[in-house]
Amino acid sequence: MREYYSKYKDKIEFISIGCRDPKEVWLKAVARYNMGWINLFSENDEVADKYGVVGHPTKIIIDEKGDIVLKTIGEGDEFYDKLDEMFR
């Protein structure tokens, strides 16, 4: 994720939202993985429920209209391939 943040940070906003983990666990992950983009924490399940988060990590690309372009669960390449396709 850090690689793609560096690659596309001038073209797209990266936002991570910690949900369904204790806040302390989330804070440690942000520090450990040097997540230099916007990081938010959800105190309840509202965000996870709204976006259908059923596994971690869930990565979602939302266009400028607010429509979901892609939603992936896990560590596959589909999310990164889509970013490359969008910004070539």
N, C-alpha and C. Protein backbone atom coordinates (compact mmCIF):
# COMPACT_ATOMS: atom_id res chain seq x y z
N MET A 1 0.82 -1.18 0.00
CA MET A 1 0.00 0.00 0.00
C MET A 1 0.87 1.25 0.00
N ARG A 2 1.96 1.23 0.77
CA ARG A 2 2.86 2.40 0.80
C ARG A 2 3.41 2.71 -0.60
N GLU A 3 3.75 1.67 -1.33
CA GLU A 3 4.27 1.87 -2.70
C GLU A 3 3.24 2.59 -3.57
N TYR A 4 1.98 2.16 -3.49
CA TYR A 4 0.94 2.75 -4.32
C TYR A 4 0.53 4.13 -3.81
N TYR A 5 0.64 4.35 -2.54
CA TYR A 5 0.42 5.69 -2.01
C TYR A 5 1.46 6.66 -2.59
N SER A 6 2.72 6.25 -2.57
CA SER A 6 3.78 7.09 -3.13
C SER A 6 3.57 7.31 -4.63
N LYS A 7 3.12 6.29 -5.30
CA LYS A 7 2.95 6.33 -6.75
C LYS A 7 1.80 7.25 -7.18
N TYR A 8 0.69 7.24 -6.43
CA TYR A 8 -0.53 7.91 -6.88
C TYR A 8 -1.07 8.98 -5.92
N LYS A 9 -0.33 9.36 -4.90
CA LYS A 9 -0.87 10.29 -3.89
C LYS A 9 -1.26 11.64 -4.46
N ASP A 10 -0.73 12.02 -5.61
CA ASP A 10 -1.11 13.28 -6.24
C ASP A 10 -2.36 13.16 -7.10
N LYS A 11 -2.85 11.93 -7.27
CA LYS A 11 -3.99 11.69 -8.16
C LYS A 11 -5.23 11.16 -7.43
N ILE A 12 -5.03 10.62 -6.23
CA ILE A 12 -6.14 10.00 -5.49
C ILE A 12 -5.87 10.15 -3.99
N GLU A 13 -6.92 10.26 -3.22
CA GLU A 13 -6.79 10.37 -1.77
C GLU A 13 -6.84 8.96 -1.16
N PHE A 14 -5.85 8.64 -0.35
CA PHE A 14 -5.84 7.37 0.36
C PHE A 14 -6.33 7.62 1.78
N ILE A 15 -7.29 6.81 2.21
CA ILE A 15 -7.83 6.92 3.56
C ILE A 15 -7.96 5.51 4.12
N SER A 16 -7.39 5.28 5.28
CA SER A 16 -7.58 4.00 5.98
C SER A 16 -8.51 4.25 7.15
N ILE A 17 -9.41 3.30 7.37
CA ILE A 17 -10.34 3.40 8.49
C ILE A 17 -10.24 2.13 9.30
N GLY A 18 -9.81 2.28 10.53
CA GLY A 18 -9.74 1.15 11.44
C GLY A 18 -11.14 0.87 11.98
N CYS A 19 -11.56 -0.37 11.85
CA CYS A 19 -12.88 -0.74 12.37
C CYS A 19 -12.85 -2.19 12.84
N ARG A 20 -13.62 -2.44 13.85
CA ARG A 20 -13.77 -3.77 14.43
C ARG A 20 -12.51 -4.30 15.11
N ASP A 21 -11.51 -3.47 15.30
CA ASP A 21 -10.33 -3.80 16.09
C ASP A 21 -10.28 -2.83 17.27
N PRO A 22 -9.70 -3.24 18.37
CA PRO A 22 -9.52 -2.28 19.46
C PRO A 22 -8.66 -1.11 19.00
N LYS A 23 -8.93 0.08 19.51
CA LYS A 23 -8.20 1.27 19.09
C LYS A 23 -6.70 1.13 19.29
N GLU A 24 -6.28 0.47 20.37
CA GLU A 24 -4.86 0.30 20.65
C GLU A 24 -4.18 -0.53 19.55
N VAL A 25 -4.84 -1.57 19.09
CA VAL A 25 -4.32 -2.42 18.02
C VAL A 25 -4.18 -1.61 16.74
N TRP A 26 -5.20 -0.81 16.44
CA TRP A 26 -5.18 0.03 15.25
C TRP A 26 -4.03 1.04 15.30
N LEU A 27 -3.86 1.72 16.43
CA LEU A 27 -2.78 2.70 16.58
C LEU A 27 -1.40 2.07 16.37
N LYS A 28 -1.22 0.89 16.91
CA LYS A 28 0.06 0.19 16.74
C LYS A 28 0.30 -0.16 15.27
N ALA A 29 -0.75 -0.57 14.56
CA ALA A 29 -0.62 -0.92 13.14
C ALA A 29 -0.26 0.31 12.30
N VAL A 30 -0.89 1.44 12.58
CA VAL A 30 -0.59 2.67 11.85
C VAL A 30 0.88 3.03 12.01
N ALA A 31 1.38 2.93 13.23
CA ALA A 31 2.78 3.26 13.50
C ALA A 31 3.72 2.21 12.89
N ARG A 32 3.40 0.95 13.10
CA ARG A 32 4.28 -0.14 12.64
C ARG A 32 4.45 -0.16 11.13
N TYR A 33 3.35 0.07 10.42
CA TYR A 33 3.39 -0.03 8.96
C TYR A 33 3.61 1.33 8.28
N ASN A 34 3.91 2.35 9.07
CA ASN A 34 4.25 3.67 8.54
C ASN A 34 3.22 4.14 7.52
N MET A 35 1.97 4.16 7.94
CA MET A 35 0.85 4.53 7.07
C MET A 35 0.74 6.06 7.04
N GLY A 36 1.40 6.70 6.08
CA GLY A 36 1.52 8.14 6.02
C GLY A 36 0.34 8.89 5.43
N TRP A 37 -0.71 8.21 5.07
CA TRP A 37 -1.90 8.83 4.52
C TRP A 37 -2.90 9.08 5.64
N ILE A 38 -4.09 9.55 5.32
CA ILE A 38 -5.13 9.81 6.31
C ILE A 38 -5.56 8.51 6.96
N ASN A 39 -5.59 8.50 8.29
CA ASN A 39 -6.02 7.32 9.04
C ASN A 39 -7.10 7.74 10.03
N LEU A 40 -8.21 7.04 9.96
CA LEU A 40 -9.35 7.33 10.83
C LEU A 40 -9.71 6.08 11.61
N PHE A 41 -10.41 6.27 12.72
CA PHE A 41 -10.84 5.14 13.52
C PHE A 41 -12.35 5.23 13.74
N SER A 42 -13.04 4.14 13.48
CA SER A 42 -14.48 4.08 13.68
C SER A 42 -14.76 3.46 15.06
N GLU A 43 -15.44 4.21 15.89
CA GLU A 43 -15.75 3.76 17.26
C GLU A 43 -16.82 2.67 17.28
N ASN A 44 -17.56 2.53 16.17
CA ASN A 44 -18.63 1.53 16.12
C ASN A 44 -18.60 0.85 14.76
N ASP A 45 -19.60 0.05 14.46
CA ASP A 45 -19.62 -0.72 13.21
C ASP A 45 -20.29 0.00 12.05
N GLU A 46 -20.61 1.27 12.21
CA GLU A 46 -21.35 2.00 11.18
C GLU A 46 -20.64 1.99 9.82
N VAL A 47 -19.37 2.31 9.78
CA VAL A 47 -18.63 2.34 8.51
C VAL A 47 -18.51 0.94 7.93
N ALA A 48 -18.14 -0.02 8.76
CA ALA A 48 -17.99 -1.39 8.29
C ALA A 48 -19.30 -1.93 7.73
N ASP A 49 -20.39 -1.64 8.42
CA ASP A 49 -21.70 -2.10 7.95
C ASP A 49 -22.11 -1.41 6.66
N LYS A 50 -21.88 -0.10 6.58
CA LYS A 50 -22.27 0.67 5.39
C LYS A 50 -21.56 0.17 4.14
N TYR A 51 -20.29 -0.18 4.27
CA TYR A 51 -19.51 -0.61 3.11
C TYR A 51 -19.36 -2.12 3.00
N GLY A 52 -20.06 -2.87 3.84
CA GLY A 52 -20.05 -4.32 3.73
C GLY A 52 -18.70 -4.95 4.02
N VAL A 53 -18.00 -4.43 5.01
CA VAL A 53 -16.70 -4.98 5.37
C VAL A 53 -16.92 -6.30 6.13
N VAL A 54 -16.46 -7.39 5.50
CA VAL A 54 -16.62 -8.71 6.12
C VAL A 54 -15.27 -9.39 6.35
N GLY A 55 -14.20 -8.77 5.88
CA GLY A 55 -12.86 -9.31 6.05
C GLY A 55 -11.84 -8.20 5.98
N HIS A 56 -10.64 -8.53 6.41
CA HIS A 56 -9.58 -7.52 6.45
C HIS A 56 -8.37 -7.98 5.68
N PRO A 57 -7.71 -7.14 4.96
CA PRO A 57 -8.13 -5.77 4.69
C PRO A 57 -9.19 -5.72 3.58
N THR A 58 -10.10 -4.79 3.71
CA THR A 58 -11.04 -4.48 2.63
C THR A 58 -10.56 -3.19 2.01
N LYS A 59 -10.40 -3.19 0.70
CA LYS A 59 -9.95 -2.00 -0.02
C LYS A 59 -11.05 -1.59 -0.99
N ILE A 60 -11.40 -0.31 -0.95
CA ILE A 60 -12.50 0.20 -1.76
C ILE A 60 -12.01 1.42 -2.53
N ILE A 61 -12.31 1.45 -3.81
CA ILE A 61 -12.06 2.63 -4.63
C ILE A 61 -13.41 3.30 -4.87
N ILE A 62 -13.51 4.56 -4.48
CA ILE A 62 -14.74 5.34 -4.64
C ILE A 62 -14.43 6.49 -5.59
N ASP A 63 -15.26 6.64 -6.62
CA ASP A 63 -15.00 7.71 -7.59
C ASP A 63 -15.49 9.06 -7.07
N GLU A 64 -15.26 10.10 -7.88
CA GLU A 64 -15.60 11.46 -7.46
C GLU A 64 -17.09 11.68 -7.27
N LYS A 65 -17.93 10.79 -7.81
CA LYS A 65 -19.38 10.87 -7.63
C LYS A 65 -19.84 10.16 -6.37
N GLY A 66 -18.93 9.43 -5.73
CA GLY A 66 -19.29 8.66 -4.54
C GLY A 66 -19.69 7.23 -4.84
N ASP A 67 -19.50 6.80 -6.08
CA ASP A 67 -19.84 5.43 -6.47
C ASP A 67 -18.66 4.51 -6.22
N ILE A 68 -18.94 3.30 -5.78
CA ILE A 68 -17.89 2.30 -5.57
C ILE A 68 -17.47 1.74 -6.93
N VAL A 69 -16.20 1.90 -7.24
CA VAL A 69 -15.62 1.41 -8.49
C VAL A 69 -15.14 -0.03 -8.31
N LEU A 70 -14.57 -0.32 -7.14
CA LEU A 70 -14.02 -1.64 -6.86
C LEU A 70 -13.98 -1.86 -5.35
N LYS A 71 -14.27 -3.07 -4.95
CA LYS A 71 -14.14 -3.47 -3.54
C LYS A 71 -13.46 -4.82 -3.52
N THR A 72 -12.35 -4.91 -2.79
CA THR A 72 -11.63 -6.17 -2.68
C THR A 72 -11.45 -6.52 -1.21
N ILE A 73 -11.32 -7.79 -0.95
CA ILE A 73 -11.07 -8.27 0.41
C ILE A 73 -9.82 -9.16 0.34
N GLY A 74 -8.87 -8.88 1.22
CA GLY A 74 -7.66 -9.67 1.25
C GLY A 74 -6.50 -8.95 0.60
N GLU A 75 -5.45 -9.71 0.33
CA GLU A 75 -4.21 -9.13 -0.15
C GLU A 75 -3.90 -9.45 -1.61
N GLY A 76 -4.91 -9.57 -2.44
CA GLY A 76 -4.67 -9.84 -3.86
C GLY A 76 -4.21 -8.61 -4.62
N ASP A 77 -3.94 -8.79 -5.90
CA ASP A 77 -3.44 -7.71 -6.75
C ASP A 77 -4.53 -6.89 -7.42
N GLU A 78 -5.77 -7.32 -7.34
CA GLU A 78 -6.87 -6.67 -8.07
C GLU A 78 -6.98 -5.17 -7.78
N PHE A 79 -6.85 -4.78 -6.53
CA PHE A 79 -6.93 -3.38 -6.13
C PHE A 79 -5.83 -2.57 -6.80
N TYR A 80 -4.61 -3.06 -6.74
CA TYR A 80 -3.46 -2.35 -7.31
C TYR A 80 -3.52 -2.33 -8.84
N ASP A 81 -3.96 -3.43 -9.43
CA ASP A 81 -4.12 -3.48 -10.87
C ASP A 81 -5.14 -2.43 -11.34
N LYS A 82 -6.22 -2.26 -10.58
CA LYS A 82 -7.25 -1.28 -10.92
C LYS A 82 -6.69 0.14 -10.82
N LEU A 83 -5.90 0.42 -9.80
CA LEU A 83 -5.28 1.75 -9.70
C LEU A 83 -4.38 2.01 -10.91
N ASP A 84 -3.57 1.03 -11.27
CA ASP A 84 -2.70 1.18 -12.44
C ASP A 84 -3.52 1.44 -13.69
N GLU A 85 -4.62 0.72 -13.85
CA GLU A 85 -5.49 0.90 -15.01
C GLU A 85 -6.08 2.31 -15.03
N MET A 86 -6.50 2.79 -13.89
CA MET A 86 -7.14 4.10 -13.80
C MET A 86 -6.19 5.26 -14.09
N PHE A 87 -4.92 5.10 -13.74
CA PHE A 87 -4.00 6.24 -13.78
C PHE A 87 -2.85 6.08 -14.80
N ARG A 88 -3.02 5.25 -15.77
CA ARG A 88 -2.01 5.12 -16.84
C ARG A 88 -2.05 6.31 -17.74
